[in-house]
């Protein structure tokens, strides 16, 4: 069932934060052209089909909808890519916060915070380890006019509000740039044994 967790007044009209979509519900929506039209950066979810795939995996989606039912922001929790080391822990224990995106003209209204809060409100959140990866080469530095380290701090501060903590790892892609971010939120009811496995998996080992 679709639920509305927040309504935000912006200079472009009201934006609703919604979740609980079915595949049929997504078909009634459209993505803002900014998800595909920016040359400097591009969201990995750039069509409705890519969001439908998340639901097919058992993932979670929250969207920011403008008054004409256009998606102007989104946040996505999904299972780890099966080719990555994190998938070895098992999808029942681990989810990846794969995207938090807000179109440029709708930024500065705290929509990202609302999207994250809504996304992390599902019933089994405290039974999950949730990780996120921030690659510096995907950041919209041109529009924000921020240096990498300042942008990095902004992101770390934002996710810290929701219980994410920076962790070390030797995962090669994350280690490519010192600005890259790896943060983890460990649910209150995650078994100690599961967290121990994850601790070793961060360095390519699995007990």
N, C-alpha and C. Protein backbone atom coordinates (compact mmCIF):
# COMPACT_ATOMS: atom_id res chain seq x y z
N UNK A 1 0.85 -1.19 0.00
CA UNK A 1 0.00 0.00 0.00
C UNK A 1 0.89 1.25 0.00
N UNK A 2 0.57 2.18 -0.88
CA UNK A 2 1.35 3.41 -0.97
C UNK A 2 1.07 4.30 0.24
N UNK A 3 2.14 4.78 0.85
CA UNK A 3 2.00 5.67 2.00
C UNK A 3 2.75 6.97 1.73
N UNK A 4 2.24 8.07 2.28
CA UNK A 4 2.88 9.38 2.19
C UNK A 4 3.43 9.73 3.56
N UNK A 5 4.75 9.89 3.66
CA UNK A 5 5.36 10.16 4.95
C UNK A 5 5.63 11.64 5.18
N UNK A 6 5.62 12.42 4.11
CA UNK A 6 5.95 13.84 4.26
C UNK A 6 5.45 14.61 3.04
N UNK A 7 5.09 15.86 3.25
CA UNK A 7 4.73 16.77 2.17
C UNK A 7 5.57 18.03 2.34
N UNK A 8 6.31 18.39 1.29
CA UNK A 8 7.28 19.49 1.38
C UNK A 8 6.89 20.58 0.39
N UNK A 9 6.81 21.80 0.88
CA UNK A 9 6.55 22.94 0.00
C UNK A 9 7.88 23.45 -0.56
N UNK A 10 7.95 23.54 -1.88
CA UNK A 10 9.16 24.01 -2.55
C UNK A 10 8.80 25.18 -3.47
N UNK A 11 9.81 25.79 -4.05
CA UNK A 11 9.57 26.86 -5.01
C UNK A 11 8.96 26.36 -6.30
N UNK A 12 8.92 25.04 -6.46
CA UNK A 12 8.35 24.41 -7.66
C UNK A 12 7.03 23.71 -7.36
N UNK A 13 6.43 24.01 -6.20
CA UNK A 13 5.19 23.35 -5.81
C UNK A 13 5.44 22.31 -4.73
N UNK A 14 4.37 21.60 -4.36
CA UNK A 14 4.48 20.60 -3.30
C UNK A 14 5.12 19.32 -3.81
N UNK A 15 5.91 18.71 -2.93
CA UNK A 15 6.53 17.43 -3.23
C UNK A 15 6.14 16.45 -2.12
N UNK A 16 5.66 15.28 -2.51
CA UNK A 16 5.26 14.25 -1.55
C UNK A 16 6.30 13.14 -1.50
N UNK A 17 6.66 12.70 -0.29
CA UNK A 17 7.56 11.57 -0.11
C UNK A 17 6.69 10.33 0.04
N UNK A 18 6.81 9.41 -0.90
CA UNK A 18 5.93 8.24 -0.93
C UNK A 18 6.73 6.95 -1.05
N UNK A 19 6.15 5.87 -0.52
CA UNK A 19 6.76 4.55 -0.62
C UNK A 19 5.65 3.50 -0.61
N UNK A 20 6.04 2.23 -0.64
CA UNK A 20 5.05 1.15 -0.64
C UNK A 20 4.49 0.84 -2.02
N UNK A 21 5.26 1.12 -3.07
CA UNK A 21 4.77 0.93 -4.43
C UNK A 21 4.76 -0.55 -4.82
N UNK A 22 3.77 -0.90 -5.62
CA UNK A 22 3.77 -2.18 -6.32
C UNK A 22 4.27 -1.93 -7.74
N UNK A 23 4.49 -2.99 -8.50
CA UNK A 23 4.92 -2.83 -9.88
C UNK A 23 3.89 -2.04 -10.69
N UNK A 24 2.62 -2.30 -10.44
CA UNK A 24 1.57 -1.57 -11.16
C UNK A 24 1.57 -0.09 -10.78
N UNK A 25 1.85 0.20 -9.50
CA UNK A 25 1.87 1.58 -9.05
C UNK A 25 2.97 2.38 -9.71
N UNK A 26 4.11 1.76 -9.94
CA UNK A 26 5.23 2.46 -10.59
C UNK A 26 4.91 2.83 -12.03
N UNK A 27 4.09 2.04 -12.67
CA UNK A 27 3.79 2.29 -14.09
C UNK A 27 3.05 3.61 -14.29
N UNK A 28 2.44 4.14 -13.24
CA UNK A 28 1.71 5.40 -13.35
C UNK A 28 2.62 6.62 -13.18
N UNK A 29 3.91 6.38 -12.92
CA UNK A 29 4.82 7.48 -12.65
C UNK A 29 5.79 7.70 -13.81
N UNK A 30 6.45 8.85 -13.79
CA UNK A 30 7.49 9.13 -14.78
C UNK A 30 8.67 9.77 -14.07
N UNK A 31 9.86 9.60 -14.63
CA UNK A 31 11.06 10.17 -14.06
C UNK A 31 11.35 11.54 -14.66
N UNK A 32 11.80 12.46 -13.84
CA UNK A 32 12.24 13.76 -14.33
C UNK A 32 13.36 13.57 -15.34
N UNK A 33 13.40 14.39 -16.36
CA UNK A 33 14.41 14.26 -17.41
C UNK A 33 15.83 14.44 -16.87
N UNK A 34 15.96 15.08 -15.70
CA UNK A 34 17.28 15.29 -15.12
C UNK A 34 17.98 14.01 -14.71
N UNK A 35 17.22 12.92 -14.57
CA UNK A 35 17.85 11.65 -14.22
C UNK A 35 18.71 11.10 -15.35
N UNK A 36 18.46 11.57 -16.56
CA UNK A 36 19.25 11.09 -17.69
C UNK A 36 19.93 12.22 -18.47
N UNK A 37 19.51 13.46 -18.21
CA UNK A 37 19.96 14.56 -19.06
C UNK A 37 21.20 15.30 -18.64
N UNK A 38 21.79 14.92 -17.47
CA UNK A 38 22.98 15.63 -17.01
C UNK A 38 24.24 14.97 -17.58
N UNK A 39 25.12 15.77 -18.16
CA UNK A 39 26.34 15.22 -18.73
C UNK A 39 27.41 14.98 -17.67
N UNK A 40 27.34 15.72 -16.53
CA UNK A 40 28.39 15.61 -15.51
C UNK A 40 28.22 14.39 -14.62
N UNK A 41 26.99 13.97 -14.38
CA UNK A 41 26.74 12.81 -13.53
C UNK A 41 25.44 12.17 -13.98
N UNK A 42 25.24 10.92 -13.59
CA UNK A 42 24.04 10.21 -14.01
C UNK A 42 23.63 9.20 -12.96
N UNK A 43 22.38 9.23 -12.58
CA UNK A 43 21.86 8.28 -11.61
C UNK A 43 21.78 6.89 -12.26
N UNK A 44 22.10 5.85 -11.48
CA UNK A 44 22.03 4.49 -12.04
C UNK A 44 20.59 4.05 -12.27
N UNK A 45 19.65 4.73 -11.61
CA UNK A 45 18.23 4.44 -11.85
C UNK A 45 17.68 5.55 -12.73
N UNK A 46 17.64 5.29 -14.03
CA UNK A 46 17.26 6.35 -14.97
C UNK A 46 16.04 6.01 -15.81
N UNK A 47 15.31 4.97 -15.41
CA UNK A 47 14.02 4.68 -16.03
C UNK A 47 13.18 3.87 -15.06
N UNK A 48 11.89 3.78 -15.33
CA UNK A 48 10.98 3.07 -14.44
C UNK A 48 11.33 1.59 -14.37
N UNK A 49 11.81 1.03 -15.47
CA UNK A 49 12.16 -0.39 -15.49
C UNK A 49 13.24 -0.72 -14.47
N UNK A 50 14.20 0.19 -14.27
CA UNK A 50 15.26 -0.06 -13.30
C UNK A 50 14.72 -0.06 -11.87
N UNK A 51 13.69 0.73 -11.61
CA UNK A 51 13.05 0.73 -10.30
C UNK A 51 12.19 -0.51 -10.11
N UNK A 52 11.55 -0.95 -11.16
CA UNK A 52 10.77 -2.19 -11.09
C UNK A 52 11.66 -3.38 -10.75
N UNK A 53 12.88 -3.35 -11.26
CA UNK A 53 13.82 -4.43 -10.98
C UNK A 53 14.16 -4.49 -9.50
N UNK A 54 14.25 -3.33 -8.86
CA UNK A 54 14.51 -3.29 -7.42
C UNK A 54 13.40 -4.02 -6.66
N UNK A 55 12.15 -3.73 -7.01
CA UNK A 55 11.03 -4.39 -6.35
C UNK A 55 11.04 -5.89 -6.60
N UNK A 56 11.43 -6.28 -7.80
CA UNK A 56 11.51 -7.72 -8.11
C UNK A 56 12.55 -8.42 -7.26
N UNK A 57 13.59 -7.70 -6.84
CA UNK A 57 14.64 -8.25 -5.98
C UNK A 57 14.22 -8.30 -4.52
N UNK A 58 13.08 -7.67 -4.19
CA UNK A 58 12.69 -7.56 -2.80
C UNK A 58 13.25 -6.34 -2.12
N UNK A 59 13.70 -5.35 -2.92
CA UNK A 59 14.26 -4.13 -2.38
C UNK A 59 13.19 -3.12 -1.99
N UNK A 60 13.62 -1.94 -1.58
CA UNK A 60 12.73 -0.89 -1.10
C UNK A 60 13.01 0.41 -1.84
N UNK A 61 11.95 1.15 -2.14
CA UNK A 61 12.07 2.42 -2.87
C UNK A 61 11.24 3.48 -2.18
N UNK A 62 11.80 4.67 -2.04
CA UNK A 62 11.03 5.85 -1.65
C UNK A 62 11.25 6.91 -2.72
N UNK A 63 10.20 7.64 -3.05
CA UNK A 63 10.32 8.64 -4.11
C UNK A 63 9.76 9.97 -3.65
N UNK A 64 10.28 11.03 -4.24
CA UNK A 64 9.74 12.38 -4.06
C UNK A 64 8.97 12.71 -5.33
N UNK A 65 7.67 12.90 -5.19
CA UNK A 65 6.81 13.12 -6.34
C UNK A 65 6.33 14.56 -6.40
N UNK A 66 6.48 15.17 -7.57
CA UNK A 66 5.93 16.51 -7.78
C UNK A 66 4.42 16.39 -8.00
N UNK A 67 3.77 17.52 -8.14
CA UNK A 67 2.30 17.52 -8.23
C UNK A 67 1.78 16.83 -9.48
N UNK A 68 2.62 16.72 -10.52
CA UNK A 68 2.17 16.05 -11.74
C UNK A 68 2.66 14.59 -11.79
N UNK A 69 2.98 14.02 -10.60
CA UNK A 69 3.39 12.62 -10.48
C UNK A 69 4.70 12.32 -11.19
N UNK A 70 5.58 13.31 -11.22
CA UNK A 70 6.93 13.10 -11.75
C UNK A 70 7.88 12.85 -10.58
N UNK A 71 8.74 11.84 -10.72
CA UNK A 71 9.73 11.54 -9.69
C UNK A 71 10.86 12.55 -9.79
N UNK A 72 11.02 13.37 -8.76
CA UNK A 72 12.09 14.38 -8.75
C UNK A 72 13.17 14.03 -7.73
N UNK A 73 12.98 12.94 -7.02
CA UNK A 73 13.97 12.44 -6.08
C UNK A 73 13.67 10.99 -5.75
N UNK A 74 14.69 10.25 -5.38
CA UNK A 74 14.46 8.84 -5.04
C UNK A 74 15.55 8.34 -4.11
N UNK A 75 15.21 7.30 -3.37
CA UNK A 75 16.20 6.59 -2.56
C UNK A 75 15.90 5.10 -2.70
N UNK A 76 16.97 4.29 -2.74
CA UNK A 76 16.82 2.87 -3.08
C UNK A 76 17.66 2.00 -2.15
N UNK A 77 17.02 0.99 -1.57
CA UNK A 77 17.70 -0.09 -0.86
C UNK A 77 17.54 -1.34 -1.69
N UNK A 78 18.64 -2.02 -1.98
CA UNK A 78 18.56 -3.21 -2.81
C UNK A 78 19.58 -4.24 -2.32
N UNK A 79 19.44 -5.46 -2.79
CA UNK A 79 20.40 -6.50 -2.47
C UNK A 79 21.75 -6.17 -3.12
N UNK A 80 22.85 -6.59 -2.51
CA UNK A 80 24.16 -6.35 -3.12
C UNK A 80 24.27 -6.99 -4.50
N UNK A 81 25.04 -6.37 -5.36
CA UNK A 81 25.33 -6.97 -6.67
C UNK A 81 25.97 -8.34 -6.45
N UNK A 82 25.45 -9.38 -7.10
CA UNK A 82 25.97 -10.73 -6.87
C UNK A 82 27.44 -10.91 -7.23
N UNK A 83 28.01 -9.98 -8.02
CA UNK A 83 29.42 -10.09 -8.39
C UNK A 83 30.33 -9.45 -7.34
N UNK A 84 29.75 -8.76 -6.34
CA UNK A 84 30.55 -8.09 -5.33
C UNK A 84 30.68 -8.95 -4.08
N UNK A 85 31.72 -8.71 -3.31
CA UNK A 85 32.00 -9.51 -2.13
C UNK A 85 30.87 -9.49 -1.10
N UNK A 86 30.14 -8.37 -1.05
CA UNK A 86 29.12 -8.21 -0.02
C UNK A 86 28.00 -9.23 -0.16
N UNK A 87 27.76 -9.69 -1.37
CA UNK A 87 26.69 -10.67 -1.60
C UNK A 87 26.96 -11.99 -0.89
N UNK A 88 28.20 -12.24 -0.52
CA UNK A 88 28.55 -13.50 0.13
C UNK A 88 27.98 -13.63 1.53
N UNK A 89 27.57 -12.50 2.12
CA UNK A 89 26.97 -12.56 3.45
C UNK A 89 25.53 -13.04 3.40
N UNK A 90 24.88 -12.88 2.24
CA UNK A 90 23.49 -13.31 2.10
C UNK A 90 22.52 -12.15 2.18
N UNK A 91 21.54 -12.15 1.29
CA UNK A 91 20.62 -11.02 1.18
C UNK A 91 19.70 -10.87 2.39
N UNK A 92 19.55 -11.92 3.19
CA UNK A 92 18.70 -11.81 4.36
C UNK A 92 19.32 -10.93 5.44
N UNK A 93 20.64 -10.77 5.38
CA UNK A 93 21.34 -10.01 6.41
C UNK A 93 21.78 -8.63 5.96
N UNK A 94 21.96 -8.46 4.66
CA UNK A 94 22.65 -7.27 4.16
C UNK A 94 21.89 -6.61 3.02
N UNK A 95 21.80 -5.28 3.08
CA UNK A 95 21.23 -4.50 1.99
C UNK A 95 22.15 -3.32 1.71
N UNK A 96 22.12 -2.85 0.47
CA UNK A 96 22.91 -1.69 0.09
C UNK A 96 22.01 -0.49 -0.15
N UNK A 97 22.38 0.63 0.46
CA UNK A 97 21.73 1.90 0.12
C UNK A 97 22.37 2.36 -1.18
N UNK A 98 21.70 2.07 -2.28
CA UNK A 98 22.32 2.22 -3.59
C UNK A 98 22.18 3.61 -4.18
N UNK A 99 21.19 4.35 -3.75
CA UNK A 99 21.01 5.67 -4.36
C UNK A 99 20.19 6.58 -3.46
N UNK A 100 20.61 7.84 -3.41
CA UNK A 100 19.79 8.93 -2.87
C UNK A 100 20.02 10.09 -3.83
N UNK A 101 19.02 10.38 -4.63
CA UNK A 101 19.16 11.39 -5.69
C UNK A 101 18.01 12.38 -5.64
N UNK A 102 18.34 13.66 -5.76
CA UNK A 102 17.34 14.71 -5.85
C UNK A 102 17.72 15.62 -7.02
N UNK A 103 16.76 15.94 -7.86
CA UNK A 103 17.04 16.80 -8.99
C UNK A 103 17.49 18.18 -8.53
N UNK A 104 18.35 18.79 -9.31
CA UNK A 104 19.02 20.03 -8.91
C UNK A 104 18.06 21.11 -8.43
N UNK A 105 16.99 21.35 -9.17
CA UNK A 105 16.10 22.47 -8.82
C UNK A 105 15.28 22.20 -7.56
N UNK A 106 15.33 20.96 -7.05
CA UNK A 106 14.58 20.62 -5.83
C UNK A 106 15.50 20.42 -4.63
N UNK A 107 16.78 20.71 -4.79
CA UNK A 107 17.69 20.60 -3.65
C UNK A 107 17.53 21.82 -2.73
N UNK A 108 18.06 21.71 -1.55
CA UNK A 108 18.00 22.72 -0.48
C UNK A 108 16.65 22.75 0.23
N UNK A 109 15.78 21.78 -0.03
CA UNK A 109 14.52 21.67 0.69
C UNK A 109 14.50 20.48 1.65
N UNK A 110 15.67 19.89 1.89
CA UNK A 110 15.82 18.74 2.79
C UNK A 110 15.05 17.51 2.31
N UNK A 111 14.88 17.42 1.00
CA UNK A 111 14.18 16.27 0.44
C UNK A 111 15.00 15.00 0.62
N UNK A 112 16.32 15.09 0.49
CA UNK A 112 17.17 13.90 0.65
C UNK A 112 17.00 13.29 2.04
N UNK A 113 16.99 14.14 3.06
CA UNK A 113 16.79 13.65 4.43
C UNK A 113 15.47 12.92 4.57
N UNK A 114 14.44 13.49 4.00
CA UNK A 114 13.11 12.88 4.08
C UNK A 114 13.08 11.54 3.34
N UNK A 115 13.75 11.47 2.22
CA UNK A 115 13.80 10.22 1.46
C UNK A 115 14.52 9.13 2.24
N UNK A 116 15.64 9.48 2.87
CA UNK A 116 16.39 8.49 3.64
C UNK A 116 15.57 8.02 4.85
N UNK A 117 14.96 8.97 5.55
CA UNK A 117 14.15 8.61 6.71
C UNK A 117 13.02 7.68 6.34
N UNK A 118 12.36 7.96 5.23
CA UNK A 118 11.26 7.11 4.78
C UNK A 118 11.77 5.73 4.38
N UNK A 119 12.88 5.70 3.68
CA UNK A 119 13.43 4.43 3.20
C UNK A 119 13.82 3.51 4.35
N UNK A 120 14.31 4.11 5.43
CA UNK A 120 14.80 3.31 6.56
C UNK A 120 13.73 3.04 7.61
N UNK A 121 12.48 3.22 7.25
CA UNK A 121 11.38 3.04 8.21
C UNK A 121 10.69 1.69 8.08
N UNK A 122 11.19 0.79 7.21
CA UNK A 122 10.49 -0.48 7.03
C UNK A 122 10.68 -1.36 8.27
N UNK A 123 9.77 -2.33 8.45
CA UNK A 123 9.64 -3.02 9.73
C UNK A 123 10.85 -3.83 10.16
N UNK A 124 11.63 -4.36 9.23
CA UNK A 124 12.74 -5.24 9.59
C UNK A 124 14.10 -4.54 9.55
N UNK A 125 14.10 -3.23 9.61
CA UNK A 125 15.33 -2.47 9.48
C UNK A 125 16.37 -2.85 10.54
N UNK A 126 15.92 -3.13 11.76
CA UNK A 126 16.87 -3.42 12.84
C UNK A 126 17.45 -4.82 12.76
N UNK A 127 16.99 -5.61 11.80
CA UNK A 127 17.54 -6.94 11.59
C UNK A 127 18.56 -6.95 10.45
N UNK A 128 18.86 -5.80 9.90
CA UNK A 128 19.71 -5.71 8.71
C UNK A 128 20.98 -4.92 8.97
N UNK A 129 22.03 -5.31 8.25
CA UNK A 129 23.20 -4.47 8.08
C UNK A 129 23.03 -3.74 6.76
N UNK A 130 23.11 -2.43 6.79
CA UNK A 130 22.95 -1.63 5.58
C UNK A 130 24.24 -0.86 5.34
N UNK A 131 24.77 -1.00 4.14
CA UNK A 131 26.00 -0.28 3.82
C UNK A 131 25.77 0.64 2.63
N UNK A 132 26.62 1.64 2.52
CA UNK A 132 26.57 2.52 1.36
C UNK A 132 28.00 2.83 0.92
N UNK A 133 28.14 3.06 -0.37
CA UNK A 133 29.42 3.41 -0.97
C UNK A 133 29.25 4.74 -1.69
N UNK A 134 30.12 5.69 -1.39
CA UNK A 134 30.09 6.98 -2.08
C UNK A 134 31.35 7.15 -2.90
N UNK A 135 31.22 7.02 -4.22
CA UNK A 135 32.37 7.20 -5.11
C UNK A 135 32.47 8.67 -5.51
N UNK A 136 33.62 9.28 -5.28
CA UNK A 136 33.76 10.72 -5.51
C UNK A 136 33.54 11.11 -6.96
N UNK A 137 33.77 10.19 -7.89
CA UNK A 137 33.61 10.54 -9.30
C UNK A 137 32.14 10.58 -9.72
N UNK A 138 31.23 10.23 -8.82
CA UNK A 138 29.79 10.31 -9.13
C UNK A 138 29.14 11.56 -8.55
N UNK A 139 29.88 12.37 -7.80
CA UNK A 139 29.29 13.51 -7.11
C UNK A 139 29.10 14.69 -8.06
N UNK A 140 28.03 15.43 -7.83
CA UNK A 140 27.70 16.59 -8.66
C UNK A 140 28.45 17.82 -8.16
N UNK A 141 29.76 17.82 -8.35
CA UNK A 141 30.61 18.90 -7.84
C UNK A 141 30.42 20.20 -8.61
N UNK A 142 30.13 20.09 -9.89
CA UNK A 142 29.98 21.29 -10.72
C UNK A 142 28.81 22.14 -10.25
N UNK A 143 27.66 21.51 -10.06
CA UNK A 143 26.48 22.28 -9.64
C UNK A 143 26.63 22.77 -8.21
N UNK A 144 27.16 21.93 -7.33
CA UNK A 144 27.28 22.30 -5.92
C UNK A 144 28.39 23.32 -5.67
N UNK A 145 29.36 23.39 -6.60
CA UNK A 145 30.52 24.28 -6.48
C UNK A 145 31.31 23.99 -5.20
N UNK A 146 31.36 22.71 -4.84
CA UNK A 146 32.08 22.30 -3.64
C UNK A 146 33.32 21.50 -4.02
N UNK A 147 34.34 21.57 -3.17
CA UNK A 147 35.50 20.72 -3.31
C UNK A 147 35.15 19.31 -2.84
N UNK A 148 35.94 18.34 -3.28
CA UNK A 148 35.63 16.95 -2.93
C UNK A 148 35.55 16.72 -1.43
N UNK A 149 36.50 17.26 -0.68
CA UNK A 149 36.52 17.02 0.76
C UNK A 149 35.31 17.65 1.45
N UNK A 150 34.88 18.81 0.97
CA UNK A 150 33.70 19.46 1.54
C UNK A 150 32.44 18.66 1.21
N UNK A 151 32.36 18.18 -0.03
CA UNK A 151 31.21 17.37 -0.43
C UNK A 151 31.18 16.08 0.37
N UNK A 152 32.36 15.51 0.56
CA UNK A 152 32.46 14.27 1.34
C UNK A 152 31.95 14.49 2.76
N UNK A 153 32.39 15.57 3.39
CA UNK A 153 31.95 15.86 4.75
C UNK A 153 30.44 16.05 4.82
N UNK A 154 29.87 16.72 3.82
CA UNK A 154 28.44 16.92 3.78
C UNK A 154 27.71 15.58 3.78
N UNK A 155 28.17 14.63 2.96
CA UNK A 155 27.53 13.33 2.87
C UNK A 155 27.69 12.54 4.16
N UNK A 156 28.89 12.53 4.71
CA UNK A 156 29.13 11.80 5.96
C UNK A 156 28.25 12.34 7.08
N UNK A 157 28.15 13.67 7.17
CA UNK A 157 27.30 14.28 8.20
C UNK A 157 25.84 13.89 7.99
N UNK A 158 25.40 13.88 6.75
CA UNK A 158 24.01 13.53 6.46
C UNK A 158 23.70 12.10 6.88
N UNK A 159 24.52 11.15 6.44
CA UNK A 159 24.23 9.75 6.74
C UNK A 159 24.46 9.42 8.21
N UNK A 160 25.33 10.16 8.87
CA UNK A 160 25.55 9.93 10.29
C UNK A 160 24.28 10.20 11.10
N UNK A 161 23.46 11.11 10.62
CA UNK A 161 22.19 11.41 11.30
C UNK A 161 21.30 10.18 11.39
N UNK A 162 21.51 9.21 10.49
CA UNK A 162 20.65 8.03 10.43
C UNK A 162 21.35 6.78 10.95
N UNK A 163 22.42 6.98 11.71
CA UNK A 163 23.08 5.85 12.35
C UNK A 163 24.18 5.19 11.55
N UNK A 164 24.57 5.77 10.41
CA UNK A 164 25.66 5.21 9.62
C UNK A 164 27.00 5.66 10.21
N UNK A 165 27.95 4.73 10.20
CA UNK A 165 29.30 4.98 10.71
C UNK A 165 30.30 4.60 9.64
N UNK A 166 31.37 5.37 9.51
CA UNK A 166 32.43 5.03 8.57
C UNK A 166 33.20 3.81 9.06
N UNK A 167 33.43 2.88 8.13
CA UNK A 167 34.21 1.68 8.42
C UNK A 167 35.33 1.55 7.40
N UNK A 168 36.40 0.90 7.80
CA UNK A 168 37.51 0.64 6.89
C UNK A 168 37.23 -0.63 6.08
N UNK A 169 37.80 -0.68 4.89
CA UNK A 169 37.69 -1.85 4.01
C UNK A 169 38.83 -1.81 3.01
N UNK A 170 39.15 -2.98 2.46
CA UNK A 170 40.18 -3.02 1.41
C UNK A 170 39.55 -3.28 0.05
N UNK A 171 38.24 -3.07 -0.07
CA UNK A 171 37.57 -3.28 -1.34
C UNK A 171 38.22 -2.37 -2.40
N UNK A 172 38.71 -2.93 -3.50
CA UNK A 172 39.54 -2.17 -4.44
C UNK A 172 38.90 -0.89 -5.00
N UNK A 173 37.64 -0.94 -5.38
CA UNK A 173 37.01 0.24 -5.97
C UNK A 173 36.89 1.37 -4.95
N UNK A 174 36.58 1.02 -3.72
CA UNK A 174 36.47 2.04 -2.67
C UNK A 174 37.84 2.64 -2.38
N UNK A 175 38.88 1.82 -2.44
CA UNK A 175 40.24 2.28 -2.11
C UNK A 175 40.90 3.06 -3.23
N UNK A 176 40.26 3.16 -4.38
CA UNK A 176 40.87 3.87 -5.51
C UNK A 176 41.12 5.34 -5.21
N UNK A 177 40.22 5.95 -4.46
CA UNK A 177 40.34 7.38 -4.15
C UNK A 177 40.17 7.58 -2.65
N UNK A 178 41.00 8.41 -2.02
CA UNK A 178 40.87 8.62 -0.58
C UNK A 178 39.57 9.31 -0.19
N UNK A 179 38.92 10.00 -1.14
CA UNK A 179 37.68 10.69 -0.82
C UNK A 179 36.49 9.73 -0.76
N UNK A 180 36.63 8.55 -1.34
CA UNK A 180 35.50 7.61 -1.38
C UNK A 180 35.02 7.27 0.03
N UNK A 181 33.75 6.95 0.13
CA UNK A 181 33.11 6.73 1.42
C UNK A 181 32.58 5.30 1.51
N UNK A 182 32.78 4.69 2.67
CA UNK A 182 32.14 3.41 2.98
C UNK A 182 31.55 3.54 4.38
N UNK A 183 30.22 3.50 4.47
CA UNK A 183 29.54 3.67 5.75
C UNK A 183 28.56 2.53 5.96
N UNK A 184 28.32 2.22 7.23
CA UNK A 184 27.50 1.06 7.58
C UNK A 184 26.56 1.42 8.72
N UNK A 185 25.33 0.94 8.62
CA UNK A 185 24.36 1.02 9.72
C UNK A 185 24.03 -0.40 10.15
N UNK A 186 24.31 -0.72 11.39
CA UNK A 186 24.07 -2.06 11.93
C UNK A 186 22.80 -2.04 12.77
N UNK A 187 21.82 -2.81 12.37
CA UNK A 187 20.56 -2.86 13.10
C UNK A 187 20.73 -3.38 14.52
N UNK A 188 19.86 -2.95 15.41
CA UNK A 188 19.96 -3.31 16.83
C UNK A 188 19.82 -4.81 17.07
N UNK A 189 19.15 -5.51 16.15
CA UNK A 189 18.89 -6.93 16.36
C UNK A 189 19.70 -7.83 15.43
N UNK A 190 20.77 -7.29 14.85
CA UNK A 190 21.65 -8.10 14.02
C UNK A 190 22.46 -9.01 14.94
N UNK A 191 22.46 -10.33 14.71
CA UNK A 191 23.21 -11.24 15.57
C UNK A 191 24.70 -10.93 15.55
N UNK A 192 25.34 -11.12 16.69
CA UNK A 192 26.76 -10.85 16.81
C UNK A 192 27.56 -11.66 15.80
N UNK A 193 27.16 -12.89 15.57
CA UNK A 193 27.85 -13.77 14.62
C UNK A 193 27.80 -13.19 13.21
N UNK A 194 26.66 -12.63 12.84
CA UNK A 194 26.52 -12.03 11.51
C UNK A 194 27.43 -10.82 11.37
N UNK A 195 27.47 -9.99 12.40
CA UNK A 195 28.35 -8.82 12.34
C UNK A 195 29.82 -9.23 12.28
N UNK A 196 30.19 -10.28 12.98
CA UNK A 196 31.57 -10.76 12.93
C UNK A 196 31.93 -11.20 11.50
N UNK A 197 31.01 -11.88 10.84
CA UNK A 197 31.25 -12.29 9.45
C UNK A 197 31.42 -11.07 8.56
N UNK A 198 30.59 -10.06 8.79
CA UNK A 198 30.69 -8.85 7.99
C UNK A 198 32.01 -8.13 8.23
N UNK A 199 32.46 -8.14 9.47
CA UNK A 199 33.74 -7.50 9.81
C UNK A 199 34.87 -8.10 8.98
N UNK A 200 34.90 -9.41 8.84
CA UNK A 200 35.94 -10.05 8.06
C UNK A 200 35.72 -9.88 6.56
N UNK A 201 34.44 -9.83 6.17
CA UNK A 201 34.13 -9.67 4.75
C UNK A 201 34.60 -8.32 4.22
N UNK A 202 34.67 -7.32 5.09
CA UNK A 202 35.17 -6.00 4.68
C UNK A 202 36.60 -6.10 4.14
N UNK A 203 37.30 -7.14 4.53
CA UNK A 203 38.68 -7.34 4.08
C UNK A 203 38.83 -8.59 3.22
N UNK A 204 37.70 -8.98 2.60
CA UNK A 204 37.72 -10.05 1.62
C UNK A 204 37.72 -11.44 2.19
N UNK A 205 37.43 -11.59 3.46
CA UNK A 205 37.42 -12.90 4.12
C UNK A 205 36.02 -13.21 4.61
N UNK A 206 35.70 -14.48 4.67
CA UNK A 206 34.39 -14.90 5.20
C UNK A 206 34.60 -16.17 6.01
N UNK A 207 34.29 -16.08 7.31
CA UNK A 207 34.50 -17.21 8.22
C UNK A 207 33.49 -18.31 7.92
